[in-house]
PDB file of all heavy atoms in Angstrom:
ATOM      1  N   LEU A   1      -7.132   6.975   2.676  1.00  0.00           N
ATOM      2  CA  LEU A   1      -7.133   6.687   1.272  1.00  0.00           C
ATOM      3  C   LEU A   1      -5.951   7.309   0.520  1.00  0.00           C
ATOM      4  O   LEU A   1      -5.329   6.623  -0.334  1.00  0.00           O
ATOM      5  CB  LEU A   1      -8.420   7.147   0.623  1.00  0.00           C
ATOM      6  CG  LEU A   1      -8.629   6.642  -0.839  1.00  0.00           C
ATOM      7  CD1 LEU A   1      -8.632   5.112  -0.892  1.00  0.00           C
ATOM      8  CD2 LEU A   1      -9.978   7.171  -1.373  1.00  0.00           C
ATOM      9  N   PRO A   2      -5.535   8.559   0.806  1.00  0.00           N
ATOM     10  CA  PRO A   2      -4.365   9.079   0.086  1.00  0.00           C
ATOM     11  C   PRO A   2      -3.077   8.302   0.292  1.00  0.00           C
ATOM     12  O   PRO A   2      -2.275   8.114  -0.588  1.00  0.00           O
ATOM     13  CB  PRO A   2      -4.222  10.521   0.624  1.00  0.00           C
ATOM     14  CG  PRO A   2      -5.579  10.874   1.122  1.00  0.00           C
ATOM     15  CD  PRO A   2      -6.210   9.545   1.581  1.00  0.00           C
ATOM     16  N   ILE A   3      -2.908   7.774   1.508  1.00  0.00           N
ATOM     17  CA  ILE A   3      -1.774   6.928   1.833  1.00  0.00           C
ATOM     18  C   ILE A   3      -1.808   5.644   1.057  1.00  0.00           C
ATOM     19  O   ILE A   3      -0.791   5.169   0.481  1.00  0.00           O
ATOM     20  CB  ILE A   3      -1.694   6.690   3.344  1.00  0.00           C
ATOM     21  CG1 ILE A   3      -1.459   7.998   4.053  1.00  0.00           C
ATOM     22  CG2 ILE A   3      -0.536   5.713   3.657  1.00  0.00           C
ATOM     23  CD1 ILE A   3      -1.630   7.898   5.570  1.00  0.00           C
ATOM     24  N   VAL A   4      -3.004   5.064   0.978  1.00  0.00           N
ATOM     25  CA  VAL A   4      -3.189   3.817   0.222  1.00  0.00           C
ATOM     26  C   VAL A   4      -2.896   4.044  -1.286  1.00  0.00           C
ATOM     27  O   VAL A   4      -2.212   3.231  -1.930  1.00  0.00           O
ATOM     28  CB  VAL A   4      -4.581   3.216   0.420  1.00  0.00           C
ATOM     29  CG1 VAL A   4      -4.849   2.008  -0.514  1.00  0.00           C
ATOM     30  CG2 VAL A   4      -4.766   2.771   1.908  1.00  0.00           C
ATOM     31  N   ARG A   5      -3.366   5.132  -1.798  1.00  0.00           N
ATOM     32  CA  ARG A   5      -3.147   5.478  -3.186  1.00  0.00           C
ATOM     33  C   ARG A   5      -1.589   5.694  -3.428  1.00  0.00           C
ATOM     34  O   ARG A   5      -1.069   5.269  -4.466  1.00  0.00           O
ATOM     35  CB  ARG A   5      -3.905   6.696  -3.626  1.00  0.00           C
ATOM     36  CG  ARG A   5      -5.401   6.571  -3.562  1.00  0.00           C
ATOM     37  CD  ARG A   5      -5.887   5.454  -4.504  1.00  0.00           C
ATOM     38  NE  ARG A   5      -7.362   5.357  -4.403  1.00  0.00           N
ATOM     39  CZ  ARG A   5      -7.985   4.215  -4.407  1.00  0.00           C
ATOM     40  NH1 ARG A   5      -7.313   3.052  -4.502  1.00  0.00           N
ATOM     41  NH2 ARG A   5      -9.271   4.158  -4.332  1.00  0.00           N
ATOM     42  N   GLN A   6      -0.902   6.233  -2.474  1.00  0.00           N
ATOM     43  CA  GLN A   6       0.489   6.423  -2.566  1.00  0.00           C
ATOM     44  C   GLN A   6       1.230   5.081  -2.593  1.00  0.00           C
ATOM     45  O   GLN A   6       2.184   4.880  -3.359  1.00  0.00           O
ATOM     46  CB  GLN A   6       0.972   7.271  -1.392  1.00  0.00           C
ATOM     47  CG  GLN A   6       2.473   7.639  -1.423  1.00  0.00           C
ATOM     48  CD  GLN A   6       2.821   8.446  -0.154  1.00  0.00           C
ATOM     49  OE1 GLN A   6       2.434   8.068   0.952  1.00  0.00           O
ATOM     50  NE2 GLN A   6       3.563   9.516  -0.328  1.00  0.00           N
ATOM     51  N   ILE A   7       0.777   4.167  -1.745  1.00  0.00           N
ATOM     52  CA  ILE A   7       1.341   2.809  -1.697  1.00  0.00           C
ATOM     53  C   ILE A   7       1.139   2.107  -2.972  1.00  0.00           C
ATOM     54  O   ILE A   7       2.029   1.453  -3.572  1.00  0.00           O
ATOM     55  CB  ILE A   7       0.768   2.048  -0.484  1.00  0.00           C
ATOM     56  CG1 ILE A   7       1.280   2.630   0.833  1.00  0.00           C
ATOM     57  CG2 ILE A   7       1.105   0.537  -0.584  1.00  0.00           C
ATOM     58  CD1 ILE A   7       0.579   2.129   2.078  1.00  0.00           C
ATOM     59  N   GLU A   8      -0.130   2.283  -3.537  1.00  0.00           N
ATOM     60  CA  GLU A   8      -0.386   1.612  -4.874  1.00  0.00           C
ATOM     61  C   GLU A   8       0.491   2.200  -5.948  1.00  0.00           C
ATOM     62  O   GLU A   8       0.955   1.487  -6.822  1.00  0.00           O
ATOM     63  CB  GLU A   8      -1.850   1.846  -5.227  1.00  0.00           C
ATOM     64  CG  GLU A   8      -2.850   1.044  -4.371  1.00  0.00           C
ATOM     65  CD  GLU A   8      -4.272   1.363  -4.655  1.00  0.00           C
ATOM     66  OE1 GLU A   8      -4.598   2.548  -5.004  1.00  0.00           O
ATOM     67  OE2 GLU A   8      -5.166   0.462  -4.499  1.00  0.00           O
ATOM     68  N   ALA A   9       0.739   3.520  -5.923  1.00  0.00           N
ATOM     69  CA  ALA A   9       1.554   4.150  -6.919  1.00  0.00           C
ATOM     70  C   ALA A   9       3.009   3.658  -6.851  1.00  0.00           C
ATOM     71  O   ALA A   9       3.723   3.642  -7.818  1.00  0.00           O
ATOM     72  CB  ALA A   9       1.500   5.677  -6.754  1.00  0.00           C
ATOM     73  N   ALA A  10       3.403   3.259  -5.628  1.00  0.00           N
ATOM     74  CA  ALA A  10       4.759   2.758  -5.458  1.00  0.00           C
ATOM     75  C   ALA A  10       4.881   1.283  -5.894  1.00  0.00           C
ATOM     76  O   ALA A  10       5.964   0.736  -5.863  1.00  0.00           O
ATOM     77  CB  ALA A  10       5.141   2.875  -3.976  1.00  0.00           C
ATOM     78  N   GLY A  11       3.796   0.685  -6.398  1.00  0.00           N
ATOM     79  CA  GLY A  11       3.919  -0.654  -6.906  1.00  0.00           C
ATOM     80  C   GLY A  11       3.136  -1.766  -6.210  1.00  0.00           C
ATOM     81  O   GLY A  11       3.128  -2.880  -6.667  1.00  0.00           O
ATOM     82  N   ALA A  12       2.484  -1.463  -5.093  1.00  0.00           N
ATOM     83  CA  ALA A  12       1.740  -2.468  -4.345  1.00  0.00           C
ATOM     84  C   ALA A  12       0.427  -2.704  -5.067  1.00  0.00           C
ATOM     85  O   ALA A  12      -0.395  -1.733  -5.087  1.00  0.00           O
ATOM     86  CB  ALA A  12       1.541  -2.066  -2.910  1.00  0.00           C
ATOM     87  N   THR A  13       0.192  -3.859  -5.623  1.00  0.00           N
ATOM     88  CA  THR A  13      -1.036  -4.001  -6.468  1.00  0.00           C
ATOM     89  C   THR A  13      -2.086  -4.912  -5.751  1.00  0.00           C
ATOM     90  O   THR A  13      -3.251  -4.861  -6.132  1.00  0.00           O
ATOM     91  CB  THR A  13      -0.687  -4.666  -7.799  1.00  0.00           C
ATOM     92  OG1 THR A  13       0.007  -5.883  -7.562  1.00  0.00           O
ATOM     93  CG2 THR A  13       0.168  -3.732  -8.609  1.00  0.00           C
ATOM     94  N   THR A  14      -1.661  -5.658  -4.758  1.00  0.00           N
ATOM     95  CA  THR A  14      -2.629  -6.569  -4.085  1.00  0.00           C
ATOM     96  C   THR A  14      -3.021  -5.994  -2.729  1.00  0.00           C
ATOM     97  O   THR A  14      -2.277  -5.190  -2.156  1.00  0.00           O
ATOM     98  CB  THR A  14      -2.047  -7.995  -3.938  1.00  0.00           C
ATOM     99  OG1 THR A  14      -0.955  -7.891  -3.028  1.00  0.00           O
ATOM    100  CG2 THR A  14      -1.593  -8.601  -5.260  1.00  0.00           C
ATOM    101  N   HIS A  15      -4.141  -6.446  -2.211  1.00  0.00           N
ATOM    102  CA  HIS A  15      -4.526  -6.048  -0.894  1.00  0.00           C
ATOM    103  C   HIS A  15      -3.551  -6.495   0.150  1.00  0.00           C
ATOM    104  O   HIS A  15      -3.209  -5.770   1.084  1.00  0.00           O
ATOM    105  CB  HIS A  15      -5.917  -6.633  -0.589  1.00  0.00           C
ATOM    106  CG  HIS A  15      -7.040  -6.087  -1.441  1.00  0.00           C
ATOM    107  ND1 HIS A  15      -8.141  -6.776  -1.763  1.00  0.00           N
ATOM    108  CD2 HIS A  15      -7.198  -4.868  -2.051  1.00  0.00           C
ATOM    109  CE1 HIS A  15      -8.915  -6.084  -2.536  1.00  0.00           C
ATOM    110  NE2 HIS A  15      -8.361  -4.892  -2.688  1.00  0.00           N
ATOM    111  N   ARG A  16      -2.984  -7.670  -0.045  1.00  0.00           N
ATOM    112  CA  ARG A  16      -1.934  -8.203   0.916  1.00  0.00           C
ATOM    113  C   ARG A  16      -0.727  -7.292   0.865  1.00  0.00           C
ATOM    114  O   ARG A  16      -0.126  -7.017   1.953  1.00  0.00           O
ATOM    115  CB  ARG A  16      -1.593  -9.610   0.563  1.00  0.00           C
ATOM    116  CG  ARG A  16      -0.629 -10.206   1.549  1.00  0.00           C
ATOM    117  CD  ARG A  16      -0.534 -11.684   1.423  1.00  0.00           C
ATOM    118  NE  ARG A  16      -1.859 -12.234   1.798  1.00  0.00           N
ATOM    119  CZ  ARG A  16      -2.260 -13.450   1.525  1.00  0.00           C
ATOM    120  NH1 ARG A  16      -1.465 -14.289   0.928  1.00  0.00           N
ATOM    121  NH2 ARG A  16      -3.430 -13.861   1.934  1.00  0.00           N
ATOM    122  N   ALA A  17      -0.272  -6.833  -0.283  1.00  0.00           N
ATOM    123  CA  ALA A  17       0.895  -5.955  -0.391  1.00  0.00           C
ATOM    124  C   ALA A  17       0.599  -4.597   0.258  1.00  0.00           C
ATOM    125  O   ALA A  17       1.468  -4.040   0.911  1.00  0.00           O
ATOM    126  CB  ALA A  17       1.292  -5.799  -1.835  1.00  0.00           C
ATOM    127  N   ILE A  18      -0.608  -4.107   0.064  1.00  0.00           N
ATOM    128  CA  ILE A  18      -0.964  -2.836   0.704  1.00  0.00           C
ATOM    129  C   ILE A  18      -0.980  -2.992   2.199  1.00  0.00           C
ATOM    130  O   ILE A  18      -0.461  -2.111   2.963  1.00  0.00           O
ATOM    131  CB  ILE A  18      -2.304  -2.308   0.176  1.00  0.00           C
ATOM    132  CG1 ILE A  18      -2.168  -2.013  -1.374  1.00  0.00           C
ATOM    133  CG2 ILE A  18      -2.792  -1.108   0.931  1.00  0.00           C
ATOM    134  CD1 ILE A  18      -3.504  -1.747  -2.025  1.00  0.00           C
ATOM    135  N   ALA A  19      -1.564  -4.088   2.682  1.00  0.00           N
ATOM    136  CA  ALA A  19      -1.594  -4.349   4.129  1.00  0.00           C
ATOM    137  C   ALA A  19      -0.195  -4.389   4.652  1.00  0.00           C
ATOM    138  O   ALA A  19       0.112  -3.797   5.750  1.00  0.00           O
ATOM    139  CB  ALA A  19      -2.324  -5.655   4.408  1.00  0.00           C
ATOM    140  N   ALA A  20       0.701  -5.111   4.026  1.00  0.00           N
ATOM    141  CA  ALA A  20       2.092  -5.173   4.448  1.00  0.00           C
ATOM    142  C   ALA A  20       2.752  -3.789   4.530  1.00  0.00           C
ATOM    143  O   ALA A  20       3.482  -3.525   5.476  1.00  0.00           O
ATOM    144  CB  ALA A  20       2.897  -6.110   3.550  1.00  0.00           C
ATOM    145  N   ALA A  21       2.496  -2.945   3.554  1.00  0.00           N
ATOM    146  CA  ALA A  21       3.039  -1.636   3.503  1.00  0.00           C
ATOM    147  C   ALA A  21       2.504  -0.763   4.625  1.00  0.00           C
ATOM    148  O   ALA A  21       3.254  -0.009   5.263  1.00  0.00           O
ATOM    149  CB  ALA A  21       2.757  -0.958   2.149  1.00  0.00           C
ATOM    150  N   LEU A  22       1.183  -0.846   4.917  1.00  0.00           N
ATOM    151  CA  LEU A  22       0.585  -0.099   5.995  1.00  0.00           C
ATOM    152  C   LEU A  22       1.218  -0.562   7.345  1.00  0.00           C
ATOM    153  O   LEU A  22       1.516   0.252   8.190  1.00  0.00           O
ATOM    154  CB  LEU A  22      -0.908  -0.297   6.015  1.00  0.00           C
ATOM    155  CG  LEU A  22      -1.681   0.428   4.880  1.00  0.00           C
ATOM    156  CD1 LEU A  22      -3.138  -0.034   4.839  1.00  0.00           C
ATOM    157  CD2 LEU A  22      -1.603   1.945   5.066  1.00  0.00           C
ATOM    158  N   ASN A  23       1.339  -1.876   7.504  1.00  0.00           N
ATOM    159  CA  ASN A  23       1.934  -2.385   8.741  1.00  0.00           C
ATOM    160  C   ASN A  23       3.396  -1.980   8.911  1.00  0.00           C
ATOM    161  O   ASN A  23       3.847  -1.594  10.033  1.00  0.00           O
ATOM    162  CB  ASN A  23       1.846  -3.913   8.785  1.00  0.00           C
ATOM    163  CG  ASN A  23       0.428  -4.371   9.003  1.00  0.00           C
ATOM    164  OD1 ASN A  23      -0.368  -3.710   9.679  1.00  0.00           O
ATOM    165  ND2 ASN A  23       0.062  -5.490   8.411  1.00  0.00           N
ATOM    166  N   ALA A  24       4.144  -1.933   7.792  1.00  0.00           N
ATOM    167  CA  ALA A  24       5.559  -1.524   7.786  1.00  0.00           C
ATOM    168  C   ALA A  24       5.675  -0.078   8.155  1.00  0.00           C
ATOM    169  O   ALA A  24       6.680   0.303   8.819  1.00  0.00           O
ATOM    170  CB  ALA A  24       6.140  -1.815   6.441  1.00  0.00           C
ATOM    171  N   ARG A  25       4.748   0.759   7.791  1.00  0.00           N
ATOM    172  CA  ARG A  25       4.770   2.157   8.155  1.00  0.00           C
ATOM    173  C   ARG A  25       4.271   2.397   9.556  1.00  0.00           C
ATOM    174  O   ARG A  25       4.260   3.578  10.034  1.00  0.00           O
ATOM    175  CB  ARG A  25       3.895   2.958   7.159  1.00  0.00           C
ATOM    176  CG  ARG A  25       4.449   3.029   5.753  1.00  0.00           C
ATOM    177  CD  ARG A  25       3.554   3.843   4.893  1.00  0.00           C
ATOM    178  NE  ARG A  25       4.114   3.916   3.515  1.00  0.00           N
ATOM    179  CZ  ARG A  25       3.746   4.861   2.678  1.00  0.00           C
ATOM    180  NH1 ARG A  25       2.882   5.749   3.009  1.00  0.00           N
ATOM    181  NH2 ARG A  25       4.239   4.862   1.494  1.00  0.00           N
TER     182      ARG A  25
END
């Protein structure tokens, strides 16, 4: 959850964008 919150704070607002960020990491 802290990583997801960090991704959201960086501007990812949709579940798809968060998924892409997690995969990219």
